[in-house]
Amino acid sequence: MSLVVLALLFAGGGTAVAVLLPWLPTAAALQASEIDPVFWMVIGIAIFIFAIVAAVIVYSVFAFRVPPDDDSDGPPVHGHVALEIVWTAIPTALVIAIGIYSAIVIQRLDQLPKHHLTVDVTAQQFAWTFKYPAAGGATSGELRLPLDEATLLRMTSLDVIHAFFVAQFRENEDVVPGMTTTLIVTPTRLGSYPVICNELCGLGHALMRAEAIVMPDKAFAAWEKSQSKATASPSPSVAGAAVFKNNGCGACHTLAATGATGKIGPALDKLPKWAAEAKQPLAAFIRTSIVSPNAYIQPGYPKNVMPKTFAALPKTQLDALVQYLISSSKKG
């Protein structure tokens, strides 16, 4: 009876810790409703096993303790076949149950609706790039998603293994060089959620962050249309400005024409000066600095800070960005 009481106490304590503390952020995707029950199933099994083990340990400490002056050896123990079968069979059954349930959930999560959005995701030390084929191949440093619409993320890495993870979506998927992995997300809650790399990928791993912005359907359609129009514009000032803004260039660089005041990288208003110091034509210098940022490092700035993901920009967008930077830097 004492053993049962102890087990119930430990089970109650474990359940209280699991239920009363906010372990999970607010769910923001349809897939979370499938994943969360798996999580709580595993937690329930863990509490069950913990309660039994902790109760037996505590009970044994008090029930089988010996007097302080008793130095004799305990009786020899040769095992208990029935007990060994039980403590092998029960964990085996629990693990099989977790595996079957998880397989069913994974199969459900892989069901892609006929009507869906597709976004190409590129990962590289240490940044994310999101490309929208339906918006004329527009790229962005932010992942924008329409509310209540399934989105297929087609992901690839340019260097090492990364992992795409948004806690509010509950989904995690490895992003592997040389292959394309996929993930289906159906946002159900408006807001902005952090995108992180969930795989140790190098010294800058902790800084590999982006934002997943869930928008109303009409607002997303308007944004998508504006991006398609801007990136397809024959005017470099329009198309280039859109590429500059969408890819977050202003977070690291200063450029008066856009109001950008980033201090991490060299000031883009001084591009003609930097090109002259590097003894390169301005256009070639800008293009090389975008697609191969370590080819020439401006004195005073470290290597391996600017991501190489911009090499994946469509040629039309890259050309527009180069022309835009040329004209904007000359004005500065």
Protein backbone atom coordinates (compact mmCIF):
# COMPACT_ATOMS: atom_id res chain seq x y z
CA MET A 1 0.00 0.00 0.00
CA SER A 2 2.86 2.39 0.84
CA LEU A 3 4.40 1.74 -2.56
CA VAL A 4 1.12 2.56 -4.30
CA VAL A 5 0.71 5.79 -2.33
CA LEU A 6 4.25 6.88 -3.25
CA ALA A 7 3.62 6.09 -6.91
CA LEU A 8 0.43 8.17 -6.89
CA LEU A 9 2.24 11.08 -5.23
CA PHE A 10 5.05 11.06 -7.80
CA ALA A 11 2.56 10.68 -10.65
CA GLY A 12 0.56 13.62 -9.32
CA GLY A 13 3.68 15.77 -8.97
CA GLY A 14 4.89 14.89 -12.47
CA THR A 15 1.47 15.61 -13.94
CA ALA A 16 1.29 18.98 -12.17
CA VAL A 17 4.70 20.00 -13.56
CA ALA A 18 3.67 18.92 -17.06
CA VAL A 19 0.25 20.59 -17.06
CA LEU A 20 0.69 23.74 -15.00
CA LEU A 21 3.88 25.06 -16.61
CA PRO A 22 3.65 26.61 -20.13
CA TRP A 23 6.02 24.23 -21.92
CA LEU A 24 4.71 24.90 -25.43
CA PRO A 25 4.17 28.27 -27.18
CA THR A 26 0.73 29.02 -28.61
CA ALA A 27 0.06 26.82 -31.63
CA ALA A 28 -0.12 28.72 -34.93
CA ALA A 29 -0.45 25.96 -37.54
CA LEU A 30 -2.90 23.19 -38.37
CA GLN A 31 -0.09 20.65 -38.07
CA ALA A 32 0.32 21.47 -34.36
CA SER A 33 -3.04 19.83 -33.64
CA GLU A 34 -1.57 16.55 -34.91
CA ILE A 35 1.86 16.90 -33.30
CA ASP A 36 0.85 18.06 -29.81
CA PRO A 37 -1.04 14.82 -28.92
CA VAL A 38 2.11 12.84 -29.76
CA PHE A 39 4.11 15.09 -27.45
CA TRP A 40 1.65 14.67 -24.59
CA MET A 41 1.43 10.92 -25.15
CA VAL A 42 5.20 10.65 -24.68
CA ILE A 43 5.04 12.94 -21.62
CA GLY A 44 2.29 10.77 -20.12
CA ILE A 45 4.33 7.60 -20.63
CA ALA A 46 7.39 9.30 -19.11
CA ILE A 47 5.38 10.37 -16.03
CA PHE A 48 4.02 6.82 -15.65
CA ILE A 49 7.49 5.24 -15.73
CA PHE A 50 8.98 7.97 -13.53
CA ALA A 51 6.30 7.46 -10.88
CA ILE A 52 6.95 3.70 -10.68
CA VAL A 53 10.75 3.99 -10.62
CA ALA A 54 10.82 6.87 -8.12
CA ALA A 55 8.29 5.13 -5.84
CA VAL A 56 10.29 1.89 -5.80
CA ILE A 57 13.53 3.74 -5.07
CA VAL A 58 12.09 5.82 -2.22
CA TYR A 59 10.23 2.82 -0.76
CA SER A 60 13.38 0.67 -0.90
CA VAL A 61 15.46 3.33 0.86
CA PHE A 62 13.20 3.18 3.90
CA ALA A 63 11.85 -0.39 3.82
CA PHE A 64 15.14 -2.22 3.31
CA ARG A 65 17.61 -0.06 5.19
CA VAL A 66 19.88 -1.87 7.68
CA PRO A 67 20.97 -0.79 11.17
CA PRO A 68 24.12 1.33 11.30
CA ASP A 69 26.11 -1.49 12.95
CA ASP A 70 25.11 -4.20 10.45
CA ASP A 71 28.09 -4.89 8.17
CA SER A 72 26.96 -8.31 6.98
CA ASP A 73 26.42 -9.15 3.33
CA GLY A 74 22.88 -9.27 2.03
CA PRO A 75 21.36 -12.51 0.74
CA PRO A 76 22.46 -13.55 -2.77
CA VAL A 77 20.06 -12.59 -5.56
CA HIS A 78 19.88 -14.67 -8.73
CA GLY A 79 17.24 -12.69 -10.60
CA HIS A 80 13.52 -12.96 -11.13
CA VAL A 81 12.51 -14.20 -14.57
CA ALA A 82 8.88 -13.03 -14.39
CA LEU A 83 9.91 -9.52 -13.28
CA GLU A 84 12.51 -9.28 -16.05
CA ILE A 85 9.93 -10.30 -18.65
CA VAL A 86 7.50 -7.67 -17.37
CA TRP A 87 9.97 -4.78 -17.34
CA THR A 88 11.11 -5.73 -20.84
CA ALA A 89 7.66 -6.29 -22.34
CA ILE A 90 6.04 -3.11 -21.04
CA PRO A 91 8.68 -0.64 -22.37
CA THR A 92 8.72 -2.55 -25.67
CA ALA A 93 4.96 -2.19 -26.01
CA LEU A 94 5.14 1.52 -25.14
CA VAL A 95 7.88 2.21 -27.70
CA ILE A 96 5.96 0.33 -30.39
CA ALA A 97 2.82 2.34 -29.55
CA ILE A 98 4.75 5.62 -29.84
CA GLY A 99 6.23 4.50 -33.17
CA ILE A 100 2.87 3.50 -34.66
CA TYR A 101 1.12 6.68 -33.55
CA SER A 102 4.01 8.85 -34.80
CA ALA A 103 3.98 7.09 -38.19
CA ILE A 104 0.25 7.77 -38.54
CA VAL A 105 0.75 11.45 -37.70
CA ILE A 106 3.68 11.80 -40.13
CA GLN A 107 1.55 10.25 -42.88
CA ARG A 108 -1.20 12.78 -42.19
CA LEU A 109 1.24 15.69 -42.18
CA ASP A 110 2.51 14.69 -45.63
CA GLN A 111 -0.93 15.14 -47.25
CA LEU A 112 -0.60 18.14 -49.58
CA PRO A 113 -3.87 19.79 -50.67
CA LYS A 114 -4.35 20.41 -54.40
CA HIS A 115 -4.56 24.18 -53.81
CA HIS A 116 -1.38 25.31 -52.10
CA LEU A 117 1.42 27.86 -52.16
CA THR A 118 5.01 26.86 -52.92
CA VAL A 119 8.04 28.58 -51.40
CA ASP A 120 11.66 27.64 -52.13
CA VAL A 121 13.83 27.88 -49.02
CA THR A 122 17.62 28.18 -49.21
CA ALA A 123 19.75 27.75 -46.09
CA GLN A 124 23.39 28.75 -45.78
CA GLN A 125 25.72 29.76 -43.00
CA PHE A 126 24.13 31.79 -41.52
CA ALA A 127 20.95 33.00 -43.20
CA TRP A 128 17.64 31.93 -44.74
CA THR A 129 16.39 33.01 -48.17
CA PHE A 130 12.79 32.50 -49.32
CA LYS A 131 11.87 32.50 -53.01
CA TYR A 132 8.30 32.77 -54.34
CA PRO A 133 7.92 31.18 -57.80
CA ALA A 134 4.34 32.51 -58.10
CA ALA A 135 5.60 36.06 -57.55
CA GLY A 136 8.00 36.05 -60.47
CA GLY A 137 10.76 34.42 -58.42
CA ALA A 138 10.85 37.25 -55.89
CA THR A 139 13.17 36.53 -52.98
CA SER A 140 12.92 37.65 -49.37
CA GLY A 141 14.73 37.35 -46.08
CA GLU A 142 11.32 36.87 -44.44
CA LEU A 143 8.93 33.96 -44.86
CA ARG A 144 5.50 35.39 -45.64
CA LEU A 145 2.57 32.98 -45.51
CA PRO A 146 -1.18 33.35 -46.13
CA LEU A 147 -3.53 32.47 -43.28
CA ASP A 148 -5.33 29.11 -43.50
CA GLU A 149 -3.63 28.10 -46.76
CA ALA A 150 -1.28 25.13 -47.07
CA THR A 151 2.27 26.04 -48.08
CA LEU A 152 4.82 23.60 -49.44
CA LEU A 153 8.35 24.54 -48.39
CA ARG A 154 10.97 23.08 -50.74
CA MET A 155 14.25 23.36 -48.89
CA THR A 156 17.89 22.96 -49.79
CA SER A 157 21.25 23.91 -48.27
CA LEU A 158 24.26 25.42 -50.00
CA ASP A 159 26.81 24.20 -47.46
CA VAL A 160 26.16 22.09 -44.34
CA ILE A 161 23.11 20.47 -42.75
CA HIS A 162 20.66 22.97 -41.28
CA ALA A 163 17.19 22.43 -39.83
CA PHE A 164 14.09 24.58 -40.37
CA PHE A 165 12.09 25.04 -37.17
CA VAL A 166 9.26 27.30 -36.04
CA ALA A 167 8.17 26.43 -32.51
CA GLN A 168 4.62 27.74 -33.02
CA PHE A 169 4.24 25.46 -36.08
CA ARG A 170 5.75 22.50 -34.14
CA GLU A 171 7.49 21.24 -37.26
CA ASN A 172 11.18 20.57 -37.75
CA GLU A 173 12.85 19.44 -40.96
CA ASP A 174 16.51 18.94 -41.85
CA VAL A 175 17.81 20.99 -44.77
CA VAL A 176 20.50 18.89 -46.46
CA PRO A 177 23.04 19.91 -49.11
CA GLY A 178 22.62 18.09 -52.40
CA MET A 179 18.96 17.20 -51.92
CA THR A 180 15.55 18.85 -51.54
CA THR A 181 13.52 18.22 -48.40
CA THR A 182 9.94 19.34 -48.01
CA LEU A 183 7.61 20.54 -45.26
CA ILE A 184 3.92 21.42 -45.37
CA VAL A 185 2.71 24.29 -43.18
CA THR A 186 -0.86 25.55 -42.83
CA PRO A 187 -0.83 28.69 -40.63
CA THR A 188 -3.92 29.23 -38.48
CA ARG A 189 -2.92 32.29 -36.47
CA LEU A 190 -1.86 35.76 -37.64
CA GLY A 191 1.43 37.07 -36.34
CA SER A 192 5.20 36.98 -36.65
CA TYR A 193 7.09 33.89 -35.48
CA PRO A 194 10.85 33.24 -35.28
CA VAL A 195 12.41 30.87 -37.80
CA ILE A 196 15.51 29.26 -36.36
CA CYS A 197 18.11 26.76 -37.46
CA ASN A 198 17.64 23.74 -35.21
CA GLU A 199 20.87 22.00 -36.24
CA LEU A 200 24.30 23.09 -35.02
CA CYS A 201 25.76 24.46 -38.25
CA GLY A 202 28.85 26.45 -37.22
CA LEU A 203 30.02 29.41 -35.17
CA GLY A 204 27.15 31.63 -36.33
CA HIS A 205 24.45 29.03 -35.65
CA ALA A 206 22.80 31.10 -32.90
CA LEU A 207 22.44 34.05 -35.30
CA MET A 208 20.70 32.09 -38.07
CA ARG A 209 17.30 33.66 -37.59
CA ALA A 210 14.44 34.89 -39.77
CA GLU A 211 10.75 35.73 -39.33
CA ALA A 212 7.69 33.80 -40.49
CA ILE A 213 4.95 36.39 -41.02
CA VAL A 214 1.41 35.02 -41.30
CA MET A 215 -0.82 37.45 -43.19
CA PRO A 216 -4.53 37.61 -44.06
CA ASP A 217 -5.17 36.01 -47.44
CA LYS A 218 -6.00 39.30 -49.20
CA ALA A 219 -2.99 41.08 -47.73
CA PHE A 220 -0.71 38.25 -48.84
CA ALA A 221 -2.17 38.27 -52.35
CA ALA A 222 -1.56 42.03 -52.55
CA TRP A 223 2.01 41.60 -51.29
CA GLU A 224 2.67 38.78 -53.76
CA LYS A 225 1.29 40.87 -56.64
CA SER A 226 3.42 43.87 -55.65
CA GLN A 227 6.55 41.73 -55.48
CA SER A 228 5.87 40.20 -58.87
CA LYS A 229 5.29 43.63 -60.38
CA ALA A 230 8.32 45.21 -58.73
CA THR A 231 10.83 42.48 -59.58
CA ALA A 232 9.56 42.33 -63.16
CA SER A 233 9.76 46.10 -63.62
CA PRO A 234 12.07 47.24 -66.45
CA SER A 235 13.19 50.09 -64.20
CA PRO A 236 16.28 49.15 -62.15
CA SER A 237 15.32 51.74 -59.56
CA VAL A 238 12.03 49.91 -58.94
CA ALA A 239 13.15 46.30 -59.33
CA GLY A 240 16.50 46.84 -57.61
CA ALA A 241 14.93 48.66 -54.67
CA ALA A 242 12.48 45.77 -54.22
CA VAL A 243 15.30 43.21 -54.26
CA PHE A 244 17.32 45.30 -51.80
CA LYS A 245 14.39 45.60 -49.39
CA ASN A 246 13.14 42.02 -49.67
CA ASN A 247 16.52 40.51 -48.94
CA GLY A 248 17.17 42.59 -45.85
CA CYS A 249 20.29 44.31 -47.19
CA GLY A 250 19.54 47.38 -45.09
CA ALA A 251 19.98 45.40 -41.88
CA CYS A 252 23.73 45.28 -42.47
CA HIS A 253 24.51 48.17 -44.80
CA THR A 254 23.98 51.91 -45.00
CA LEU A 255 22.41 53.27 -48.18
CA ALA A 256 20.96 56.78 -48.14
CA ALA A 257 18.60 56.15 -51.08
CA THR A 258 16.68 53.56 -49.01
CA GLY A 259 17.13 55.06 -45.57
CA ALA A 260 19.13 51.98 -44.53
CA THR A 261 21.51 52.57 -41.62
CA GLY A 262 23.07 49.13 -41.02
CA LYS A 263 26.58 49.17 -39.59
CA ILE A 264 27.64 45.51 -39.88
CA GLY A 265 28.98 45.75 -43.44
CA PRO A 266 30.60 48.49 -45.50
CA ALA A 267 28.51 51.56 -46.38
CA LEU A 268 27.04 51.08 -49.86
CA ASP A 269 27.06 54.83 -50.47
CA LYS A 270 30.85 54.49 -50.78
CA LEU A 271 30.82 51.68 -53.37
CA PRO A 272 32.68 53.74 -56.02
CA LYS A 273 35.42 54.43 -53.46
CA TRP A 274 35.60 50.78 -52.37
CA ALA A 275 35.76 49.61 -56.02
CA ALA A 276 38.59 52.04 -56.76
CA GLU A 277 40.53 50.78 -53.73
CA ALA A 278 40.01 47.19 -54.91
CA LYS A 279 41.11 48.27 -58.44
CA GLN A 280 37.98 46.77 -60.02
CA PRO A 281 35.26 48.17 -62.31
CA LEU A 282 32.30 49.28 -60.22
CA ALA A 283 29.71 46.91 -61.75
CA ALA A 284 31.99 43.88 -61.53
CA PHE A 285 33.00 44.80 -57.99
CA ILE A 286 29.37 45.01 -56.84
CA ARG A 287 28.33 41.78 -58.56
CA THR A 288 31.28 39.84 -57.15
CA SER A 289 30.68 41.25 -53.68
CA ILE A 290 27.10 39.95 -53.80
CA VAL A 291 27.63 36.45 -55.20
CA SER A 292 31.08 35.80 -53.71
CA PRO A 293 31.43 38.09 -50.69
CA ASN A 294 34.74 36.61 -49.52
CA ALA A 295 36.48 37.27 -52.85
CA TYR A 296 37.44 40.74 -51.63
CA ILE A 297 37.13 41.91 -48.04
CA GLN A 298 37.06 45.63 -47.38
CA PRO A 299 39.79 46.46 -44.83
CA GLY A 300 38.35 46.76 -41.36
CA TYR A 301 35.65 44.11 -41.89
CA PRO A 302 35.86 40.37 -41.11
CA LYS A 303 35.35 37.45 -43.49
CA ASN A 304 32.38 35.07 -43.48
CA VAL A 305 29.86 37.62 -42.22
CA MET A 306 27.83 38.23 -45.36
CA PRO A 307 25.87 35.10 -46.40
CA LYS A 308 26.52 33.57 -49.80
CA THR A 309 22.83 32.87 -50.38
CA PHE A 310 22.53 35.92 -52.64
CA ALA A 311 24.35 33.94 -55.32
CA ALA A 312 21.01 32.12 -55.75
CA LEU A 313 19.20 35.30 -56.81
CA PRO A 314 17.59 35.02 -60.26
CA LYS A 315 19.75 36.72 -62.88
CA THR A 316 17.16 39.40 -63.60
CA GLN A 317 16.95 40.34 -59.92
CA LEU A 318 20.74 40.27 -59.52
CA ASP A 319 21.18 42.51 -62.56
CA ALA A 320 18.54 44.93 -61.24
CA LEU A 321 20.19 45.04 -57.80
CA VAL A 322 23.62 45.73 -59.30
CA GLN A 323 22.28 48.57 -61.46
CA TYR A 324 20.32 49.98 -58.53
CA LEU A 325 23.41 50.00 -56.28
CA ILE A 326 25.48 51.64 -59.00
CA SER A 327 23.02 54.50 -59.46
CA SER A 328 22.26 54.88 -55.74
CA SER A 329 25.89 54.88 -54.65
CA LYS A 330 26.83 57.51 -57.24
CA LYS A 331 24.05 59.75 -55.90
CA GLY A 332 25.40 59.26 -52.39
